[in-house]
C-alpha atoms as a PDB file:
ATOM      1  CA  MET A   1      91.702 105.831 104.184  1.00  0.00           C
ATOM      2  CA  ALA A   2      89.491 105.103 101.199  1.00  0.00           C
ATOM      3  CA  LEU A   3      86.532 102.769 100.841  1.00  0.00           C
ATOM      4  CA  LEU A   4      85.824 100.756  97.738  1.00  0.00           C
ATOM      5  CA  MET A   5      82.376  99.239  97.114  1.00  0.00           C
ATOM      6  CA  ILE A   6      82.266  95.646  95.913  1.00  0.00           C
ATOM      7  CA  GLY A   7      79.416  93.321  95.023  1.00  0.00           C
ATOM      8  CA  GLY A   8      75.726  93.975  95.528  1.00  0.00           C
ATOM      9  CA  PRO A   9      73.498  94.326  98.553  1.00  0.00           C
ATOM     10  CA  LEU A  10      73.828  91.970 101.485  1.00  0.00           C
ATOM     11  CA  THR A  11      71.414  89.042 101.274  1.00  0.00           C
ATOM     12  CA  THR A  12      71.873  87.525 104.748  1.00  0.00           C
ATOM     13  CA  ALA A  13      69.587  87.966 107.749  1.00  0.00           C
ATOM     14  CA  ARG A  14      69.394  91.519 109.036  1.00  0.00           C
ATOM     15  CA  GLY A  15      71.331  92.154 112.255  1.00  0.00           C
ATOM     16  CA  ALA A  16      73.544  89.101 111.906  1.00  0.00           C
ATOM     17  CA  GLU A  17      77.248  89.618 112.543  1.00  0.00           C
ATOM     18  CA  ASN A  18      78.399  89.085 108.993  1.00  0.00           C
ATOM     19  CA  SER A  19      81.650  90.157 107.455  1.00  0.00           C
ATOM     20  CA  ALA A  20      80.824  89.098 103.888  1.00  0.00           C
ATOM     21  CA  GLY A  21      82.958  91.122 101.525  1.00  0.00           C
ATOM     22  CA  MET A  22      84.876  92.924 104.288  1.00  0.00           C
ATOM     23  CA  GLY A  23      88.542  93.353 103.655  1.00  0.00           C
ATOM     24  CA  ILE A  24      91.669  95.447 103.810  1.00  0.00           C
ATOM     25  CA  LEU A  25      93.581  96.424 100.679  1.00  0.00           C
ATOM     26  CA  ASN A  26      97.270  96.740 101.559  1.00  0.00           C
ATOM     27  CA  LEU A  27      98.550  99.924  99.939  1.00  0.00           C
ATOM     28  CA  THR A  28     101.384 100.301 102.454  1.00  0.00           C
ATOM     29  CA  SER A  29     105.004 100.003 101.377  1.00  0.00           C
ATOM     30  CA  ALA A  30     105.558  96.604 103.040  1.00  0.00           C
ATOM     31  CA  PRO A  31     103.851  93.227 103.190  1.00  0.00           C
ATOM     32  CA  ILE A  32     101.650  92.818 106.270  1.00  0.00           C
ATOM     33  CA  THR A  33     102.302  89.739 108.423  1.00  0.00           C
ATOM     34  CA  GLU A  34      99.873  90.249 111.343  1.00  0.00           C
ATOM     35  CA  VAL A  35      96.508  92.000 111.738  1.00  0.00           C
ATOM     36  CA  TYR A  36      94.580  92.134 115.017  1.00  0.00           C
ATOM     37  CA  ALA A  37      91.328  94.082 115.335  1.00  0.00           C
ATOM     38  CA  SER A  38      89.456  95.551 118.289  1.00  0.00           C
ATOM     39  CA  ARG A  39      86.066  97.219 118.125  1.00  0.00           C
ATOM     40  CA  ALA A  40      86.616 100.931 118.845  1.00  0.00           C
ATOM     41  CA  GLY A  41      86.728 101.554 122.589  1.00  0.00           C
ATOM     42  CA  GLN A  42      86.833  97.884 123.633  1.00  0.00           C
ATOM     43  CA  ASN A  43      90.553  96.969 123.850  1.00  0.00           C
ATOM     44  CA  THR A  44      89.774  93.272 123.229  1.00  0.00           C
ATOM     45  CA  PHE A  45      91.512  92.029 120.101  1.00  0.00           C
ATOM     46  CA  SER A  46      90.610  89.351 117.574  1.00  0.00           C
ATOM     47  CA  SER A  47      92.930  86.535 116.668  1.00  0.00           C
ATOM     48  CA  ASP A  48      95.518  87.247 113.976  1.00  0.00           C
ATOM     49  CA  GLN A  49      93.580  87.596 110.712  1.00  0.00           C
ATOM     50  CA  ILE A  50      96.659  86.696 108.646  1.00  0.00           C
ATOM     51  CA  GLN A  51      96.563  83.155 110.083  1.00  0.00           C
ATOM     52  CA  LEU A  52      93.463  82.599 107.947  1.00  0.00           C
ATOM     53  CA  ASN A  53      95.421  83.498 104.799  1.00  0.00           C
ATOM     54  CA  PRO A  54      97.196  80.501 103.210  1.00  0.00           C
ATOM     55  CA  VAL A  55     100.032  82.728 101.901  1.00  0.00           C
ATOM     56  CA  GLY A  56     100.979  83.958 105.380  1.00  0.00           C
ATOM     57  CA  GLU A  57     101.273  87.651 104.521  1.00  0.00           C
ATOM     58  CA  ILE A  58      99.464  90.280 102.499  1.00  0.00           C
ATOM     59  CA  ASP A  59     101.617  91.853  99.813  1.00  0.00           C
ATOM     60  CA  HIS A  60     101.258  95.381  98.473  1.00  0.00           C
ATOM     61  CA  ASN A  61      98.057  95.853  96.449  1.00  0.00           C
ATOM     62  CA  LYS A  62      96.537  92.592  97.763  1.00  0.00           C
ATOM     63  CA  ILE A  63      93.356  92.165  99.815  1.00  0.00           C
ATOM     64  CA  LEU A  64      93.044  90.491 103.205  1.00  0.00           C
ATOM     65  CA  ARG A  65      89.514  89.134 103.627  1.00  0.00           C
ATOM     66  CA  LEU A  66      88.202  89.570 107.164  1.00  0.00           C
ATOM     67  CA  THR A  67      85.905  87.082 108.882  1.00  0.00           C
ATOM     68  CA  GLY A  68      83.772  87.218 112.010  1.00  0.00           C
ATOM     69  CA  PHE A  69      83.407  90.995 112.294  1.00  0.00           C
ATOM     70  CA  ALA A  70      80.277  93.064 112.713  1.00  0.00           C
ATOM     71  CA  PRO A  71      80.228  96.326 110.754  1.00  0.00           C
ATOM     72  CA  GLY A  72      81.662  99.272 112.667  1.00  0.00           C
ATOM     73  CA  ARG A  73      84.807 101.190 113.589  1.00  0.00           C
ATOM     74  CA  TYR A  74      87.891  99.250 114.613  1.00  0.00           C
ATOM     75  CA  LEU A  75      91.412  99.741 115.931  1.00  0.00           C
ATOM     76  CA  LEU A  76      93.882  97.604 113.965  1.00  0.00           C
ATOM     77  CA  ARG A  77      97.263  96.437 115.242  1.00  0.00           C
ATOM     78  CA  ILE A  78      99.394  95.714 112.183  1.00  0.00           C
ATOM     79  CA  THR A  79     102.837  94.142 111.881  1.00  0.00           C
ATOM     80  CA  ASP A  80     104.819  94.320 108.651  1.00  0.00           C
ATOM     81  CA  ASN A  81     107.446  91.889 107.370  1.00  0.00           C
ATOM     82  CA  SER A  82     110.286  93.847 109.060  1.00  0.00           C
ATOM     83  CA  GLY A  83     108.630  93.344 112.475  1.00  0.00           C
ATOM     84  CA  ARG A  84     107.469  96.966 112.751  1.00  0.00           C
ATOM     85  CA  VAL A  85     104.188  97.265 114.694  1.00  0.00           C
ATOM     86  CA  CYS A  86     101.766 100.097 113.851  1.00  0.00           C
ATOM     87  CA  TRP A  87      98.201 101.097 114.640  1.00  0.00           C
ATOM     88  CA  ALA A  88      95.404 102.079 112.278  1.00  0.00           C
ATOM     89  CA  ARG A  89      92.664 103.886 114.182  1.00  0.00           C
ATOM     90  CA  ASN A  90      88.952 104.331 113.448  1.00  0.00           C
ATOM     91  CA  VAL A  91      88.967 101.927 110.506  1.00  0.00           C
ATOM     92  CA  ASP A  92      85.379 101.743 109.243  1.00  0.00           C
ATOM     93  CA  LEU A  93      84.671  98.108 108.332  1.00  0.00           C
ATOM     94  CA  GLN A  94      81.423  97.635 106.438  1.00  0.00           C
ATOM     95  CA  VAL A  95      79.791  94.701 104.674  1.00  0.00           C
ATOM     96  CA  ASN A  96      80.697  94.512 100.971  1.00  0.00           C
ATOM     97  CA  LYS A  97      83.424  97.158 101.288  1.00  0.00           C
ATOM     98  CA  ILE A  98      87.195  97.003 101.075  1.00  0.00           C
ATOM     99  CA  VAL A  99      89.196  99.509 103.123  1.00  0.00           C
ATOM    100  CA  SER A 100      92.415 100.782 101.550  1.00  0.00           C
ATOM    101  CA  LEU A 101      95.210 100.950 104.120  1.00  0.00           C
ATOM    102  CA  GLN A 102      98.065 103.335 103.249  1.00  0.00           C
ATOM    103  CA  ASN A 103     101.309 104.316 104.992  1.00  0.00           C
ATOM    104  CA  GLU A 104      99.771 107.554 106.256  1.00  0.00           C
ATOM    105  CA  ASP A 105      96.996 105.560 107.984  1.00  0.00           C
ATOM    106  CA  LEU A 106      99.569 103.851 110.245  1.00  0.00           C
ATOM    107  CA  THR A 107     100.419 105.631 113.490  1.00  0.00           C
ATOM    108  CA  ASP A 108     102.532 105.096 116.618  1.00  0.00           C
ATOM    109  CA  CYS A 109     104.845 102.671 114.824  1.00  0.00           C
ATOM    110  CA  ASP A 110     107.537 100.827 116.754  1.00  0.00           C
ATOM    111  CA  PRO A 111     110.655 100.601 114.577  1.00  0.00           C
END
């Protein structure tokens, strides 16, 4: 998993849960249709982040902007357009950074 830096320093109040600039760059081989996130070790998942995207899926080489997340490590439950469900573990979401998600980052996939 690679991190790309975007934009400048965060200008919001320190300590606020702010996901400005957070996102996932889909470098997998299939469009992503669902993304749920859970803070590492918590097993409580967010709502589907794709629902916030007007297109309804994230194509290859496109970015899904994330909202409502504090910086930290997350477990992602990802569904692609074939219905395959996979997990991406220990994804480090940080303010003003885009995480590249590749096929090799997906584990325990259900065909």
